[in-house]
Amino acid sequence: MKASKLAYKPMGFALGALSGVIASAAFKQTWKVIEGEGDAPDALDEDRPWRQILLAAAVQGAIFAVVKATVERSGAKATRRVTGVWPA
């Protein structure tokens, strides 16, 4: 394994955790706008309709994917600026 890829691993883990925190906060705010509620439904919420549960899952997945890609790409670009090598 390349040294640059190995050096990026700890940063990649930290960025993954950061992206989870950012995506979670973004989803909570987005859900408040969509449904006007604070709590998004969980798949096991018996009193919530299918439409609401599936909408929440789709929105959450989209937000998590966009935030993860944005944070990972930014981390890779920062790594290249510092080391001169793309971490892939």
C-alpha atoms as a PDB file:
ATOM      1  CA  MET A   1       0.000   0.000   0.000  1.00  0.00           C
ATOM      2  CA  LYS A   2       1.282   3.456  -0.888  1.00  0.00           C
ATOM      3  CA  ALA A   3       2.514   5.604   1.970  1.00  0.00           C
ATOM      4  CA  SER A   4       0.199   8.452   0.915  1.00  0.00           C
ATOM      5  CA  LYS A   5      -2.833   6.181   1.012  1.00  0.00           C
ATOM      6  CA  LEU A   6      -1.803   4.833   4.413  1.00  0.00           C
ATOM      7  CA  ALA A   7      -1.260   8.353   5.734  1.00  0.00           C
ATOM      8  CA  TYR A   8      -4.719   9.393   4.515  1.00  0.00           C
ATOM      9  CA  LYS A   9      -6.517   6.559   6.391  1.00  0.00           C
ATOM     10  CA  PRO A  10      -6.749   8.302   9.802  1.00  0.00           C
ATOM     11  CA  MET A  11      -7.880  11.506   8.137  1.00  0.00           C
ATOM     12  CA  GLY A  12     -10.445   9.527   6.126  1.00  0.00           C
ATOM     13  CA  PHE A  13     -11.901   8.041   9.305  1.00  0.00           C
ATOM     14  CA  ALA A  14     -12.126  11.460  10.927  1.00  0.00           C
ATOM     15  CA  LEU A  15     -13.750  12.932   7.831  1.00  0.00           C
ATOM     16  CA  GLY A  16     -16.256  10.072   7.787  1.00  0.00           C
ATOM     17  CA  ALA A  17     -17.293  10.824  11.345  1.00  0.00           C
ATOM     18  CA  LEU A  18     -17.502  14.532  10.593  1.00  0.00           C
ATOM     19  CA  SER A  19     -19.657  13.915   7.532  1.00  0.00           C
ATOM     20  CA  GLY A  20     -22.051  11.832   9.651  1.00  0.00           C
ATOM     21  CA  VAL A  21     -22.461  14.659  12.148  1.00  0.00           C
ATOM     22  CA  ILE A  22     -23.000  17.247   9.413  1.00  0.00           C
ATOM     23  CA  ALA A  23     -25.445  15.050   7.489  1.00  0.00           C
ATOM     24  CA  SER A  24     -27.442  14.255  10.617  1.00  0.00           C
ATOM     25  CA  ALA A  25     -27.847  17.933  11.460  1.00  0.00           C
ATOM     26  CA  ALA A  26     -28.755  18.774   7.850  1.00  0.00           C
ATOM     27  CA  PHE A  27     -31.356  16.012   7.744  1.00  0.00           C
ATOM     28  CA  LYS A  28     -32.986  17.145  10.987  1.00  0.00           C
ATOM     29  CA  GLN A  29     -33.317  20.681   9.664  1.00  0.00           C
ATOM     30  CA  THR A  30     -34.558  19.473   6.281  1.00  0.00           C
ATOM     31  CA  TRP A  31     -37.159  17.233   7.902  1.00  0.00           C
ATOM     32  CA  LYS A  32     -38.505  20.155   9.919  1.00  0.00           C
ATOM     33  CA  VAL A  33     -39.019  22.051   6.651  1.00  0.00           C
ATOM     34  CA  ILE A  34     -40.635  19.090   4.877  1.00  0.00           C
ATOM     35  CA  GLU A  35     -43.031  17.911   7.572  1.00  0.00           C
ATOM     36  CA  GLY A  36     -42.969  20.664  10.166  1.00  0.00           C
ATOM     37  CA  GLU A  37     -42.000  18.157  12.851  1.00  0.00           C
ATOM     38  CA  GLY A  38     -38.872  17.728  14.909  1.00  0.00           C
ATOM     39  CA  ASP A  39     -38.646  13.947  14.790  1.00  0.00           C
ATOM     40  CA  ALA A  40     -38.279  12.058  11.539  1.00  0.00           C
ATOM     41  CA  PRO A  41     -40.081   8.725  11.437  1.00  0.00           C
ATOM     42  CA  ASP A  42     -38.228   5.500  12.008  1.00  0.00           C
ATOM     43  CA  ALA A  43     -39.090   2.341  10.074  1.00  0.00           C
ATOM     44  CA  LEU A  44     -40.505   0.866  13.281  1.00  0.00           C
ATOM     45  CA  ASP A  45     -42.785   3.819  14.115  1.00  0.00           C
ATOM     46  CA  GLU A  46     -46.129   2.049  14.158  1.00  0.00           C
ATOM     47  CA  ASP A  47     -48.235   5.206  13.949  1.00  0.00           C
ATOM     48  CA  ARG A  48     -46.482   6.710  10.925  1.00  0.00           C
ATOM     49  CA  PRO A  49     -47.717   6.028   7.382  1.00  0.00           C
ATOM     50  CA  TRP A  50     -45.560   4.293   4.766  1.00  0.00           C
ATOM     51  CA  ARG A  51     -45.363   7.470   2.691  1.00  0.00           C
ATOM     52  CA  GLN A  52     -43.792   9.409   5.523  1.00  0.00           C
ATOM     53  CA  ILE A  53     -41.323   6.656   6.438  1.00  0.00           C
ATOM     54  CA  LEU A  54     -40.162   6.143   2.854  1.00  0.00           C
ATOM     55  CA  LEU A  55     -39.893   9.865   2.195  1.00  0.00           C
ATOM     56  CA  ALA A  56     -37.743  10.298   5.300  1.00  0.00           C
ATOM     57  CA  ALA A  57     -35.494   7.397   4.284  1.00  0.00           C
ATOM     58  CA  ALA A  58     -35.038   8.749   0.749  1.00  0.00           C
ATOM     59  CA  VAL A  59     -34.277  12.293   1.909  1.00  0.00           C
ATOM     60  CA  GLN A  60     -31.891  11.071   4.582  1.00  0.00           C
ATOM     61  CA  GLY A  61     -30.036   8.828   2.115  1.00  0.00           C
ATOM     62  CA  ALA A  62     -29.664  11.624  -0.417  1.00  0.00           C
ATOM     63  CA  ILE A  63     -28.378  14.079   2.177  1.00  0.00           C
ATOM     64  CA  PHE A  64     -25.905  11.587   3.628  1.00  0.00           C
ATOM     65  CA  ALA A  65     -24.558  10.707   0.155  1.00  0.00           C
ATOM     66  CA  VAL A  66     -24.067  14.342  -0.878  1.00  0.00           C
ATOM     67  CA  VAL A  67     -22.440  15.355   2.406  1.00  0.00           C
ATOM     68  CA  LYS A  68     -20.157  12.296   2.417  1.00  0.00           C
ATOM     69  CA  ALA A  69     -19.003  12.928  -1.159  1.00  0.00           C
ATOM     70  CA  THR A  70     -18.425  16.614  -0.451  1.00  0.00           C
ATOM     71  CA  VAL A  71     -16.402  16.004   2.712  1.00  0.00           C
ATOM     72  CA  GLU A  72     -14.345  13.147   1.209  1.00  0.00           C
ATOM     73  CA  ARG A  73     -13.564  15.104  -1.943  1.00  0.00           C
ATOM     74  CA  SER A  74     -12.538  18.147   0.092  1.00  0.00           C
ATOM     75  CA  GLY A  75     -10.295  15.964   2.250  1.00  0.00           C
ATOM     76  CA  ALA A  76      -8.651  14.416  -0.786  1.00  0.00           C
ATOM     77  CA  LYS A  77      -8.014  17.822  -2.328  1.00  0.00           C
ATOM     78  CA  ALA A  78      -6.543  19.097   0.954  1.00  0.00           C
ATOM     79  CA  THR A  79      -4.306  16.035   1.152  1.00  0.00           C
ATOM     80  CA  ARG A  80      -3.048  16.654  -2.383  1.00  0.00           C
ATOM     81  CA  ARG A  81      -2.330  20.305  -1.548  1.00  0.00           C
ATOM     82  CA  VAL A  82      -0.284  19.256   1.490  1.00  0.00           C
ATOM     83  CA  THR A  83       1.461  16.141   0.124  1.00  0.00           C
ATOM     84  CA  GLY A  84       1.318  16.660  -3.638  1.00  0.00           C
ATOM     85  CA  VAL A  85      -0.265  13.219  -4.062  1.00  0.00           C
ATOM     86  CA  TRP A  86      -3.914  12.230  -4.532  1.00  0.00           C
ATOM     87  CA  PRO A  87      -4.793   9.765  -1.713  1.00  0.00           C
ATOM     88  CA  ALA A  88      -6.612   7.163  -3.810  1.00  0.00           C
END
